[in-house]
Amino acid sequence: MLPAGTSSIFDWGDDYFIKEYRNAVVYGDRDATDVLHEGEVRVLANGWVELPTGRLISPDAVHHVDPVPDED
């Protein structure tokens, strides 16, 4: 029997399967001319990109995500 707790067995992989960027650019094309979003994003395990507003961008629309390095 498993001990009772507040975490689900599905929570263990969140850090591995979900990638969060504080500052990134989401592009819709290979040439990086079609900018879909700039700023904070979460890339989910299924390929969808979640914006801070809660909206999702389809994996079919996204070509790539470029993280922007933090300036110190």
C-alpha atoms as a PDB file:
ATOM      1  CA  MET A   1       0.000   0.000   0.000  1.00  0.00           C
ATOM      2  CA  LEU A   2       1.278   3.474  -0.913  1.00  0.00           C
ATOM      3  CA  PRO A   3       1.506   6.146   1.759  1.00  0.00           C
ATOM      4  CA  ALA A   4      -1.113   8.874   1.530  1.00  0.00           C
ATOM      5  CA  GLY A   5       0.200  12.199   0.335  1.00  0.00           C
ATOM      6  CA  THR A   6      -0.725  15.319  -1.523  1.00  0.00           C
ATOM      7  CA  SER A   7       1.287  14.590  -4.660  1.00  0.00           C
ATOM      8  CA  SER A   8       0.157  12.480  -7.549  1.00  0.00           C
ATOM      9  CA  ILE A   9       2.328   9.908  -9.280  1.00  0.00           C
ATOM     10  CA  PHE A  10       1.981  12.119 -12.361  1.00  0.00           C
ATOM     11  CA  ASP A  11       3.637  15.089 -10.611  1.00  0.00           C
ATOM     12  CA  TRP A  12       7.078  13.470 -10.562  1.00  0.00           C
ATOM     13  CA  GLY A  13       7.708  14.184 -14.232  1.00  0.00           C
ATOM     14  CA  ASP A  14       6.630  17.818 -14.380  1.00  0.00           C
ATOM     15  CA  ASP A  15      10.184  19.136 -14.156  1.00  0.00           C
ATOM     16  CA  TYR A  16      11.322  16.711 -16.818  1.00  0.00           C
ATOM     17  CA  PHE A  17       8.426  17.036 -19.265  1.00  0.00           C
ATOM     18  CA  ILE A  18       7.537  20.727 -18.873  1.00  0.00           C
ATOM     19  CA  LYS A  19      10.076  23.369 -19.847  1.00  0.00           C
ATOM     20  CA  GLU A  20       9.576  26.915 -18.565  1.00  0.00           C
ATOM     21  CA  TYR A  21      11.306  29.960 -20.007  1.00  0.00           C
ATOM     22  CA  ARG A  22      11.316  33.354 -18.302  1.00  0.00           C
ATOM     23  CA  ASN A  23      12.161  35.070 -21.571  1.00  0.00           C
ATOM     24  CA  ALA A  24      11.890  33.387 -24.966  1.00  0.00           C
ATOM     25  CA  VAL A  25      10.775  34.003 -28.521  1.00  0.00           C
ATOM     26  CA  VAL A  26       8.316  31.580 -30.139  1.00  0.00           C
ATOM     27  CA  TYR A  27       8.649  31.390 -33.921  1.00  0.00           C
ATOM     28  CA  GLY A  28       6.193  30.053 -36.452  1.00  0.00           C
ATOM     29  CA  ASP A  29       8.706  29.582 -39.263  1.00  0.00           C
ATOM     30  CA  ARG A  30      12.211  28.310 -39.832  1.00  0.00           C
ATOM     31  CA  ASP A  31      13.615  31.686 -40.898  1.00  0.00           C
ATOM     32  CA  ALA A  32      12.637  33.302 -37.572  1.00  0.00           C
ATOM     33  CA  THR A  33      10.575  36.023 -39.238  1.00  0.00           C
ATOM     34  CA  ASP A  34       7.132  34.993 -37.955  1.00  0.00           C
ATOM     35  CA  VAL A  35       7.179  35.811 -34.217  1.00  0.00           C
ATOM     36  CA  LEU A  36       4.211  34.280 -32.404  1.00  0.00           C
ATOM     37  CA  HIS A  37       5.128  35.402 -28.867  1.00  0.00           C
ATOM     38  CA  GLU A  38       7.912  37.085 -26.904  1.00  0.00           C
ATOM     39  CA  GLY A  39       8.277  36.685 -23.153  1.00  0.00           C
ATOM     40  CA  GLU A  40       7.499  34.020 -20.595  1.00  0.00           C
ATOM     41  CA  VAL A  41       6.289  30.611 -21.886  1.00  0.00           C
ATOM     42  CA  ARG A  42       5.844  27.012 -20.791  1.00  0.00           C
ATOM     43  CA  VAL A  43       6.388  24.216 -23.289  1.00  0.00           C
ATOM     44  CA  LEU A  44       4.199  21.292 -22.241  1.00  0.00           C
ATOM     45  CA  ALA A  45       4.987  17.612 -22.728  1.00  0.00           C
ATOM     46  CA  ASN A  46       2.500  17.335 -25.582  1.00  0.00           C
ATOM     47  CA  GLY A  47       4.184  20.179 -27.501  1.00  0.00           C
ATOM     48  CA  TRP A  48       1.657  22.901 -26.780  1.00  0.00           C
ATOM     49  CA  VAL A  49       3.091  26.263 -25.720  1.00  0.00           C
ATOM     50  CA  GLU A  50       1.311  27.931 -22.786  1.00  0.00           C
ATOM     51  CA  LEU A  51       1.382  31.718 -22.487  1.00  0.00           C
ATOM     52  CA  PRO A  52       1.110  33.627 -19.174  1.00  0.00           C
ATOM     53  CA  THR A  53      -2.484  34.537 -20.076  1.00  0.00           C
ATOM     54  CA  GLY A  54      -3.408  30.839 -20.131  1.00  0.00           C
ATOM     55  CA  ARG A  55      -3.770  30.747 -23.906  1.00  0.00           C
ATOM     56  CA  LEU A  56      -2.172  27.869 -25.756  1.00  0.00           C
ATOM     57  CA  ILE A  57      -0.312  27.841 -29.065  1.00  0.00           C
ATOM     58  CA  SER A  58      -0.663  24.637 -31.069  1.00  0.00           C
ATOM     59  CA  PRO A  59       2.441  22.562 -31.782  1.00  0.00           C
ATOM     60  CA  ASP A  60       1.434  22.718 -35.456  1.00  0.00           C
ATOM     61  CA  ALA A  61       1.882  26.510 -35.381  1.00  0.00           C
ATOM     62  CA  VAL A  62       5.250  26.553 -33.597  1.00  0.00           C
ATOM     63  CA  HIS A  63       8.480  25.911 -35.475  1.00  0.00           C
ATOM     64  CA  HIS A  64      10.864  26.560 -32.586  1.00  0.00           C
ATOM     65  CA  VAL A  65      11.404  28.383 -29.301  1.00  0.00           C
ATOM     66  CA  ASP A  66      14.579  30.389 -28.722  1.00  0.00           C
ATOM     67  CA  PRO A  67      15.406  31.192 -25.100  1.00  0.00           C
ATOM     68  CA  VAL A  68      16.750  34.696 -24.584  1.00  0.00           C
ATOM     69  CA  PRO A  69      19.778  34.702 -22.266  1.00  0.00           C
ATOM     70  CA  ASP A  70      19.399  36.612 -19.002  1.00  0.00           C
ATOM     71  CA  GLU A  71      21.376  39.832 -18.899  1.00  0.00           C
ATOM     72  CA  ASP A  72      23.243  40.251 -15.643  1.00  0.00           C
END
